[in-house]
Amino acid sequence: MPPELSPQDFQTQVLTRLDRIEARLDQLETDIRATVQRVDKWEERFLQLSRDNLAISRTVIIAAAAAVIFAPLIKEIAPAVAALIKPQ
């Protein structure tokens, strides 16, 4: 059984514990703010990466479509261009 505490000792212990709890809460609040800032930074990076990927995808799709559309035309024009370039 714990020894009996005087009211002043009890009050001192309670105040000490409350001070520790308050310090922990302050640290927790600081950690939460830092975490929110990191999440915001990574969220912005993710969104920028998504925009970049979208731009690259559009470029690849346009290049592939141009290759499919113009391949037959180039195949027909290539002999004529080669004949023009050939020395006479």
PDB file of N, CA and C in Angstrom:
ATOM      1  N   MET A   1       0.839  -1.175   0.000  1.00  0.00           N
ATOM      2  CA  MET A   1       0.000   0.000   0.000  1.00  0.00           C
ATOM      3  C   MET A   1       0.888   1.244   0.000  1.00  0.00           C
ATOM      4  N   PRO A   2       0.592   2.231  -0.893  1.00  0.00           N
ATOM      5  CA  PRO A   2       1.439   3.420  -0.968  1.00  0.00           C
ATOM      6  C   PRO A   2       1.340   4.230   0.326  1.00  0.00           C
ATOM      7  N   PRO A   3       2.447   4.920   0.625  1.00  0.00           N
ATOM      8  CA  PRO A   3       2.416   5.744   1.834  1.00  0.00           C
ATOM      9  C   PRO A   3       1.445   6.907   1.660  1.00  0.00           C
ATOM     10  N   GLU A   4       0.908   7.350   2.750  1.00  0.00           N
ATOM     11  CA  GLU A   4      -0.033   8.472   2.730  1.00  0.00           C
ATOM     12  C   GLU A   4       0.715   9.752   2.378  1.00  0.00           C
ATOM     13  N   LEU A   5       0.146  10.535   1.495  1.00  0.00           N
ATOM     14  CA  LEU A   5       0.742  11.797   1.077  1.00  0.00           C
ATOM     15  C   LEU A   5       0.043  12.947   1.780  1.00  0.00           C
ATOM     16  N   SER A   6       0.824  13.934   2.053  1.00  0.00           N
ATOM     17  CA  SER A   6       0.211  15.146   2.604  1.00  0.00           C
ATOM     18  C   SER A   6      -0.502  15.855   1.455  1.00  0.00           C
ATOM     19  N   PRO A   7      -1.467  16.697   1.772  1.00  0.00           N
ATOM     20  CA  PRO A   7      -2.168  17.410   0.693  1.00  0.00           C
ATOM     21  C   PRO A   7      -1.224  18.224  -0.181  1.00  0.00           C
ATOM     22  N   GLN A   8      -0.188  18.774   0.399  1.00  0.00           N
ATOM     23  CA  GLN A   8       0.751  19.577  -0.389  1.00  0.00           C
ATOM     24  C   GLN A   8       1.567  18.696  -1.333  1.00  0.00           C
ATOM     25  N   ASP A   9       2.003  17.501  -0.857  1.00  0.00           N
ATOM     26  CA  ASP A   9       2.736  16.572  -1.722  1.00  0.00           C
ATOM     27  C   ASP A   9       1.851  16.082  -2.860  1.00  0.00           C
ATOM     28  N   PHE A  10       0.594  15.793  -2.530  1.00  0.00           N
ATOM     29  CA  PHE A  10      -0.351  15.347  -3.554  1.00  0.00           C
ATOM     30  C   PHE A  10      -0.538  16.434  -4.610  1.00  0.00           C
ATOM     31  N   GLN A  11      -0.719  17.670  -4.137  1.00  0.00           N
ATOM     32  CA  GLN A  11      -0.897  18.799  -5.057  1.00  0.00           C
ATOM     33  C   GLN A  11       0.339  18.969  -5.928  1.00  0.00           C
ATOM     34  N   THR A  12       1.518  18.829  -5.377  1.00  0.00           N
ATOM     35  CA  THR A  12       2.760  18.960  -6.135  1.00  0.00           C
ATOM     36  C   THR A  12       2.840  17.883  -7.206  1.00  0.00           C
ATOM     37  N   GLN A  13       2.501  16.647  -6.851  1.00  0.00           N
ATOM     38  CA  GLN A  13       2.536  15.554  -7.831  1.00  0.00           C
ATOM     39  C   GLN A  13       1.539  15.793  -8.964  1.00  0.00           C
ATOM     40  N   VAL A  14       0.351  16.234  -8.611  1.00  0.00           N
ATOM     41  CA  VAL A  14      -0.678  16.483  -9.626  1.00  0.00           C
ATOM     42  C   VAL A  14      -0.231  17.605 -10.561  1.00  0.00           C
ATOM     43  N   LEU A  15       0.301  18.665  -9.992  1.00  0.00           N
ATOM     44  CA  LEU A  15       0.754  19.783 -10.827  1.00  0.00           C
ATOM     45  C   LEU A  15       1.924  19.367 -11.718  1.00  0.00           C
ATOM     46  N   THR A  16       2.817  18.533 -11.205  1.00  0.00           N
ATOM     47  CA  THR A  16       3.941  18.045 -11.999  1.00  0.00           C
ATOM     48  C   THR A  16       3.429  17.217 -13.181  1.00  0.00           C
ATOM     49  N   ARG A  17       2.480  16.339 -12.899  1.00  0.00           N
ATOM     50  CA  ARG A  17       1.913  15.522 -13.986  1.00  0.00           C
ATOM     51  C   ARG A  17       1.182  16.388 -15.004  1.00  0.00           C
ATOM     52  N   LEU A  18       0.446  17.367 -14.532  1.00  0.00           N
ATOM     53  CA  LEU A  18      -0.253  18.263 -15.460  1.00  0.00           C
ATOM     54  C   LEU A  18       0.739  19.035 -16.328  1.00  0.00           C
ATOM     55  N   ASP A  19       1.854  19.455 -15.747  1.00  0.00           N
ATOM     56  CA  ASP A  19       2.883  20.142 -16.535  1.00  0.00           C
ATOM     57  C   ASP A  19       3.448  19.225 -17.611  1.00  0.00           C
ATOM     58  N   ARG A  20       3.675  17.957 -17.242  1.00  0.00           N
ATOM     59  CA  ARG A  20       4.188  17.003 -18.243  1.00  0.00           C
ATOM     60  C   ARG A  20       3.158  16.761 -19.347  1.00  0.00           C
ATOM     61  N   ILE A  21       1.903  16.648 -18.959  1.00  0.00           N
ATOM     62  CA  ILE A  21       0.844  16.445 -19.960  1.00  0.00           C
ATOM     63  C   ILE A  21       0.764  17.654 -20.886  1.00  0.00           C
ATOM     64  N   GLU A  22       0.841  18.843 -20.314  1.00  0.00           N
ATOM     65  CA  GLU A  22       0.790  20.052 -21.135  1.00  0.00           C
ATOM     66  C   GLU A  22       1.975  20.125 -22.092  1.00  0.00           C
ATOM     67  N   ALA A  23       3.159  19.752 -21.618  1.00  0.00           N
ATOM     68  CA  ALA A  23       4.339  19.750 -22.490  1.00  0.00           C
ATOM     69  C   ALA A  23       4.173  18.733 -23.616  1.00  0.00           C
ATOM     70  N   ARG A  24       3.614  17.574 -23.294  1.00  0.00           N
ATOM     71  CA  ARG A  24       3.379  16.556 -24.331  1.00  0.00           C
ATOM     72  C   ARG A  24       2.354  17.032 -25.348  1.00  0.00           C
ATOM     73  N   LEU A  25       1.324  17.705 -24.878  1.00  0.00           N
ATOM     74  CA  LEU A  25       0.314  18.231 -25.801  1.00  0.00           C
ATOM     75  C   LEU A  25       0.908  19.301 -26.716  1.00  0.00           C
ATOM     76  N   ASP A  26       1.758  20.154 -26.152  1.00  0.00           N
ATOM     77  CA  ASP A  26       2.421  21.165 -26.985  1.00  0.00           C
ATOM     78  C   ASP A  26       3.288  20.502 -28.049  1.00  0.00           C
ATOM     79  N   GLN A  27       4.021  19.459 -27.647  1.00  0.00           N
ATOM     80  CA  GLN A  27       4.867  18.744 -28.604  1.00  0.00           C
ATOM     81  C   GLN A  27       4.015  18.055 -29.665  1.00  0.00           C
ATOM     82  N   LEU A  28       2.898  17.484 -29.236  1.00  0.00           N
ATOM     83  CA  LEU A  28       1.990  16.828 -30.182  1.00  0.00           C
ATOM     84  C   LEU A  28       1.429  17.838 -31.183  1.00  0.00           C
ATOM     85  N   GLU A  29       1.059  19.007 -30.709  1.00  0.00           N
ATOM     86  CA  GLU A  29       0.544  20.040 -31.604  1.00  0.00           C
ATOM     87  C   GLU A  29       1.610  20.472 -32.619  1.00  0.00           C
ATOM     88  N   THR A  30       2.839  20.603 -32.152  1.00  0.00           N
ATOM     89  CA  THR A  30       3.944  20.958 -33.048  1.00  0.00           C
ATOM     90  C   THR A  30       4.169  19.864 -34.087  1.00  0.00           C
ATOM     91  N   ASP A  31       4.132  18.605 -33.647  1.00  0.00           N
ATOM     92  CA  ASP A  31       4.314  17.484 -34.574  1.00  0.00           C
ATOM     93  C   ASP A  31       3.189  17.424 -35.605  1.00  0.00           C
ATOM     94  N   ILE A  32       1.977  17.689 -35.170  1.00  0.00           N
ATOM     95  CA  ILE A  32       0.838  17.663 -36.101  1.00  0.00           C
ATOM     96  C   ILE A  32       0.991  18.754 -37.160  1.00  0.00           C
ATOM     97  N   ARG A  33       1.393  19.946 -36.740  1.00  0.00           N
ATOM     98  CA  ARG A  33       1.592  21.033 -37.707  1.00  0.00           C
ATOM     99  C   ARG A  33       2.677  20.673 -38.722  1.00  0.00           C
ATOM    100  N   ALA A  34       3.771  20.092 -38.232  1.00  0.00           N
ATOM    101  CA  ALA A  34       4.860  19.706 -39.138  1.00  0.00           C
ATOM    102  C   ALA A  34       4.383  18.628 -40.113  1.00  0.00           C
ATOM    103  N   THR A  35       3.603  17.684 -39.616  1.00  0.00           N
ATOM    104  CA  THR A  35       3.085  16.618 -40.476  1.00  0.00           C
ATOM    105  C   THR A  35       2.139  17.172 -41.538  1.00  0.00           C
ATOM    106  N   VAL A  36       1.295  18.104 -41.158  1.00  0.00           N
ATOM    107  CA  VAL A  36       0.368  18.718 -42.119  1.00  0.00           C
ATOM    108  C   VAL A  36       1.153  19.449 -43.204  1.00  0.00           C
ATOM    109  N   GLN A  37       2.212  20.142 -42.819  1.00  0.00           N
ATOM    110  CA  GLN A  37       3.037  20.842 -43.812  1.00  0.00           C
ATOM    111  C   GLN A  37       3.692  19.858 -44.770  1.00  0.00           C
ATOM    112  N   ARG A  38       4.197  18.730 -44.238  1.00  0.00           N
ATOM    113  CA  ARG A  38       4.823  17.727 -45.116  1.00  0.00           C
ATOM    114  C   ARG A  38       3.792  17.118 -46.049  1.00  0.00           C
ATOM    115  N   VAL A  39       2.603  16.834 -45.544  1.00  0.00           N
ATOM    116  CA  VAL A  39       1.554  16.253 -46.388  1.00  0.00           C
ATOM    117  C   VAL A  39       1.173  17.228 -47.496  1.00  0.00           C
ATOM    118  N   ASP A  40       1.043  18.504 -47.146  1.00  0.00           N
ATOM    119  CA  ASP A  40       0.712  19.502 -48.167  1.00  0.00           C
ATOM    120  C   ASP A  40       1.789  19.572 -49.246  1.00  0.00           C
ATOM    121  N   LYS A  41       3.052  19.506 -48.827  1.00  0.00           N
ATOM    122  CA  LYS A  41       4.153  19.559 -49.795  1.00  0.00           C
ATOM    123  C   LYS A  41       4.118  18.336 -50.708  1.00  0.00           C
ATOM    124  N   TRP A  42       3.910  17.141 -50.135  1.00  0.00           N
ATOM    125  CA  TRP A  42       3.868  15.931 -50.958  1.00  0.00           C
ATOM    126  C   TRP A  42       2.626  15.897 -51.839  1.00  0.00           C
ATOM    127  N   GLU A  43       1.534  16.463 -51.347  1.00  0.00           N
ATOM    128  CA  GLU A  43       0.323  16.521 -52.168  1.00  0.00           C
ATOM    129  C   GLU A  43       0.567  17.390 -53.404  1.00  0.00           C
ATOM    130  N   GLU A  44       1.241  18.522 -53.217  1.00  0.00           N
ATOM    131  CA  GLU A  44       1.555  19.395 -54.350  1.00  0.00           C
ATOM    132  C   GLU A  44       2.483  18.688 -55.333  1.00  0.00           C
ATOM    133  N   ARG A  45       3.468  17.961 -54.805  1.00  0.00           N
ATOM    134  CA  ARG A  45       4.373  17.209 -55.688  1.00  0.00           C
ATOM    135  C   ARG A  45       3.608  16.159 -56.478  1.00  0.00           C
ATOM    136  N   PHE A  46       2.682  15.458 -55.815  1.00  0.00           N
ATOM    137  CA  PHE A  46       1.891  14.433 -56.502  1.00  0.00           C
ATOM    138  C   PHE A  46       1.041  15.054 -57.607  1.00  0.00           C
ATOM    139  N   LEU A  47       0.401  16.185 -57.301  1.00  0.00           N
ATOM    140  CA  LEU A  47      -0.428  16.833 -58.316  1.00  0.00           C
ATOM    141  C   LEU A  47       0.408  17.298 -59.502  1.00  0.00           C
ATOM    142  N   GLN A  48       1.594  17.836 -59.237  1.00  0.00           N
ATOM    143  CA  GLN A  48       2.467  18.264 -60.331  1.00  0.00           C
ATOM    144  C   GLN A  48       2.908  17.069 -61.168  1.00  0.00           C
ATOM    145  N   LEU A  49       3.233  15.961 -60.511  1.00  0.00           N
ATOM    146  CA  LEU A  49       3.611  14.743 -61.237  1.00  0.00           C
ATOM    147  C   LEU A  49       2.453  14.245 -62.093  1.00  0.00           C
ATOM    148  N   SER A  50       1.239  14.319 -61.574  1.00  0.00           N
ATOM    149  CA  SER A  50       0.059  13.901 -62.350  1.00  0.00           C
ATOM    150  C   SER A  50      -0.114  14.785 -63.580  1.00  0.00           C
ATOM    151  N   ARG A  51       0.076  16.103 -63.399  1.00  0.00           N
ATOM    152  CA  ARG A  51      -0.032  17.018 -64.549  1.00  0.00           C
ATOM    153  C   ARG A  51       1.043  16.712 -65.588  1.00  0.00           C
ATOM    154  N   ASP A  52       2.260  16.457 -65.111  1.00  0.00           N
ATOM    155  CA  ASP A  52       3.353  16.138 -66.041  1.00  0.00           C
ATOM    156  C   ASP A  52       3.068  14.846 -66.801  1.00  0.00           C
ATOM    157  N   ASN A  53       2.575  13.834 -66.096  1.00  0.00           N
ATOM    158  CA  ASN A  53       2.249  12.564 -66.753  1.00  0.00           C
ATOM    159  C   ASN A  53       1.141  12.745 -67.784  1.00  0.00           C
ATOM    160  N   LEU A  54       0.174  13.573 -67.476  1.00  0.00           N
ATOM    161  CA  LEU A  54      -0.908  13.840 -68.420  1.00  0.00           C
ATOM    162  C   LEU A  54      -0.363  14.509 -69.686  1.00  0.00           C
ATOM    163  N   ALA A  55       0.529  15.461 -69.511  1.00  0.00           N
ATOM    164  CA  ALA A  55       1.120  16.149 -70.672  1.00  0.00           C
ATOM    165  C   ALA A  55       1.936  15.177 -71.518  1.00  0.00           C
ATOM    166  N   ILE A  56       2.710  14.316 -70.883  1.00  0.00           N
ATOM    167  CA  ILE A  56       3.509  13.327 -71.624  1.00  0.00           C
ATOM    168  C   ILE A  56       2.590  12.357 -72.362  1.00  0.00           C
ATOM    169  N   SER A  57       1.519  11.925 -71.701  1.00  0.00           N
ATOM    170  CA  SER A  57       0.575  11.002 -72.342  1.00  0.00           C
ATOM    171  C   SER A  57      -0.055  11.627 -73.581  1.00  0.00           C
ATOM    172  N   ARG A  58      -0.449  12.874 -73.469  1.00  0.00           N
ATOM    173  CA  ARG A  58      -1.030  13.562 -74.633  1.00  0.00           C
ATOM    174  C   ARG A  58      -0.030  13.631 -75.776  1.00  0.00           C
ATOM    175  N   THR A  59       1.209  13.956 -75.464  1.00  0.00           N
ATOM    176  CA  THR A  59       2.237  14.055 -76.496  1.00  0.00           C
ATOM    177  C   THR A  59       2.448  12.719 -77.186  1.00  0.00           C
ATOM    178  N   VAL A  60       2.509  11.642 -76.413  1.00  0.00           N
ATOM    179  CA  VAL A  60       2.716  10.309 -76.992  1.00  0.00           C
ATOM    180  C   VAL A  60       1.530   9.919 -77.864  1.00  0.00           C
ATOM    181  N   ILE A  61       0.323  10.197 -77.406  1.00  0.00           N
ATOM    182  CA  ILE A  61      -0.869   9.850 -78.182  1.00  0.00           C
ATOM    183  C   ILE A  61      -0.902  10.638 -79.489  1.00  0.00           C
ATOM    184  N   ILE A  62      -0.585  11.915 -79.434  1.00  0.00           N
ATOM    185  CA  ILE A  62      -0.583  12.735 -80.657  1.00  0.00           C
ATOM    186  C   ILE A  62       0.494  12.258 -81.625  1.00  0.00           C
ATOM    187  N   ALA A  63       1.675  11.923 -81.109  1.00  0.00           N
ATOM    188  CA  ALA A  63       2.755  11.431 -81.975  1.00  0.00           C
ATOM    189  C   ALA A  63       2.371  10.101 -82.616  1.00  0.00           C
ATOM    190  N   ALA A  64       1.760   9.210 -81.857  1.00  0.00           N
ATOM    191  CA  ALA A  64       1.345   7.914 -82.417  1.00  0.00           C
ATOM    192  C   ALA A  64       0.252   8.100 -83.474  1.00  0.00           C
ATOM    193  N   ALA A  65      -0.691   8.971 -83.194  1.00  0.00           N
ATOM    194  CA  ALA A  65      -1.757   9.221 -84.172  1.00  0.00           C
ATOM    195  C   ALA A  65      -1.181   9.835 -85.446  1.00  0.00           C
ATOM    196  N   ALA A  66      -0.246  10.760 -85.309  1.00  0.00           N
ATOM    197  CA  ALA A  66       0.369  11.361 -86.491  1.00  0.00           C
ATOM    198  C   ALA A  66       1.130  10.314 -87.294  1.00  0.00           C
ATOM    199  N   ALA A  67       1.821   9.404 -86.616  1.00  0.00           N
ATOM    200  CA  ALA A  67       2.564   8.356 -87.322  1.00  0.00           C
ATOM    201  C   ALA A  67       1.610   7.441 -88.081  1.00  0.00           C
ATOM    202  N   VAL A  68       0.501   7.084 -87.465  1.00  0.00           N
ATOM    203  CA  VAL A  68      -0.470   6.198 -88.123  1.00  0.00           C
ATOM    204  C   VAL A  68      -1.129   6.902 -89.301  1.00  0.00           C
ATOM    205  N   ILE A  69      -1.447   8.160 -89.136  1.00  0.00           N
ATOM    206  CA  ILE A  69      -2.144   8.892 -90.191  1.00  0.00           C
ATOM    207  C   ILE A  69      -1.217   9.203 -91.368  1.00  0.00           C
ATOM    208  N   PHE A  70       0.021   9.629 -91.070  1.00  0.00           N
ATOM    209  CA  PHE A  70       0.905  10.074 -92.136  1.00  0.00           C
ATOM    210  C   PHE A  70       1.790   8.983 -92.726  1.00  0.00           C
ATOM    211  N   ALA A  71       1.829   7.789 -92.138  1.00  0.00           N
ATOM    212  CA  ALA A  71       2.684   6.714 -92.662  1.00  0.00           C
ATOM    213  C   ALA A  71       2.339   6.362 -94.115  1.00  0.00           C
ATOM    214  N   PRO A  72       1.068   6.145 -94.449  1.00  0.00           N
ATOM    215  CA  PRO A  72       0.754   5.831 -95.853  1.00  0.00           C
ATOM    216  C   PRO A  72       1.113   6.982 -96.804  1.00  0.00           C
ATOM    217  N   LEU A  73       0.903   8.201 -96.347  1.00  0.00           N
ATOM    218  CA  LEU A  73       1.225   9.352 -97.182  1.00  0.00           C
ATOM    219  C   LEU A  73       2.729   9.429 -97.435  1.00  0.00           C
ATOM    220  N   ILE A  74       3.505   9.219 -96.414  1.00  0.00           N
ATOM    221  CA  ILE A  74       4.972   9.265 -96.562  1.00  0.00           C
ATOM    222  C   ILE A  74       5.441   8.121 -97.455  1.00  0.00           C
ATOM    223  N   LYS A  75       4.801   6.977 -97.321  1.00  0.00           N
ATOM    224  CA  LYS A  75       5.173   5.828 -98.146  1.00  0.00           C
ATOM    225  C   LYS A  75       4.957   6.134 -99.635  1.00  0.00           C
ATOM    226  N   GLU A  76       3.921   6.886 -99.951  1.00  0.00           N
ATOM    227  CA  GLU A  76       3.621   7.251-101.337  1.00  0.00           C
ATOM    228  C   GLU A  76       4.517   8.387-101.837  1.00  0.00           C
ATOM    229  N   ILE A  77       4.835   9.305-100.965  1.00  0.00           N
ATOM    230  CA  ILE A  77       5.605  10.478-101.374  1.00  0.00           C
ATOM    231  C   ILE A  77       7.109  10.203-101.393  1.00  0.00           C
ATOM    232  N   ALA A  78       7.583   9.274-100.585  1.00  0.00           N
ATOM    233  CA  ALA A  78       9.018   9.017-100.470  1.00  0.00           C
ATOM    234  C   ALA A  78       9.684   8.732-101.815  1.00  0.00           C
ATOM    235  N   PRO A  79       9.139   7.874-102.706  1.00  0.00           N
ATOM    236  CA  PRO A  79       9.807   7.648-103.999  1.00  0.00           C
ATOM    237  C   PRO A  79       9.887   8.915-104.850  1.00  0.00           C
ATOM    238  N   ALA A  80       8.852   9.732-104.801  1.00  0.00           N
ATOM    239  CA  ALA A  80       8.867  10.972-105.579  1.00  0.00           C
ATOM    240  C   ALA A  80       9.932  11.927-105.051  1.00  0.00           C
ATOM    241  N   VAL A  81      10.055  12.036-103.735  1.00  0.00           N
ATOM    242  CA  VAL A  81      11.076  12.906-103.139  1.00  0.00           C
ATOM    243  C   VAL A  81      12.458  12.362-103.461  1.00  0.00           C
ATOM    244  N   ALA A  82      12.645  11.047-103.411  1.00  0.00           N
ATOM    245  CA  ALA A  82      13.923  10.442-103.712  1.00  0.00           C
ATOM    246  C   ALA A  82      14.296  10.687-105.167  1.00  0.00           C
ATOM    247  N   ALA A  83      13.324  10.632-106.043  1.00  0.00           N
ATOM    248  CA  ALA A  83      13.604  10.896-107.462  1.00  0.00           C
ATOM    249  C   ALA A  83      13.983  12.351-107.687  1.00  0.00           C
ATOM    250  N   LEU A  84      13.402  13.273-106.940  1.00  0.00           N
ATOM    251  CA  LEU A  84      13.755  14.685-107.075  1.00  0.00           C
ATOM    252  C   LEU A  84      15.147  14.970-106.558  1.00  0.00           C
ATOM    253  N   ILE A  85      15.532  14.269-105.495  1.00  0.00           N
ATOM    254  CA  ILE A  85      16.825  14.512-104.874  1.00  0.00           C
ATOM    255  C   ILE A  85      17.954  13.845-105.660  1.00  0.00           C
ATOM    256  N   LYS A  86      17.677  12.750-106.339  1.00  0.00           N
ATOM    257  CA  LYS A  86      18.705  12.004-107.088  1.00  0.00           C
ATOM    258  C   LYS A  86      19.356  12.906-108.124  1.00  0.00           C
ATOM    259  N   PRO A  87      20.680  12.847-108.198  1.00  0.00           N
ATOM    260  CA  PRO A  87      21.350  13.639-109.236  1.00  0.00           C
ATOM    261  C   PRO A  87      20.967  13.111-110.630  1.00  0.00           C
ATOM    262  N   GLN A  88      20.882  13.985-111.539  1.00  0.00           N
ATOM    263  CA  GLN A  88      20.411  13.591-112.864  1.00  0.00           C
ATOM    264  C   GLN A  88      21.509  13.226-113.790  1.00  0.00           C
TER     265      GLN A  88
END
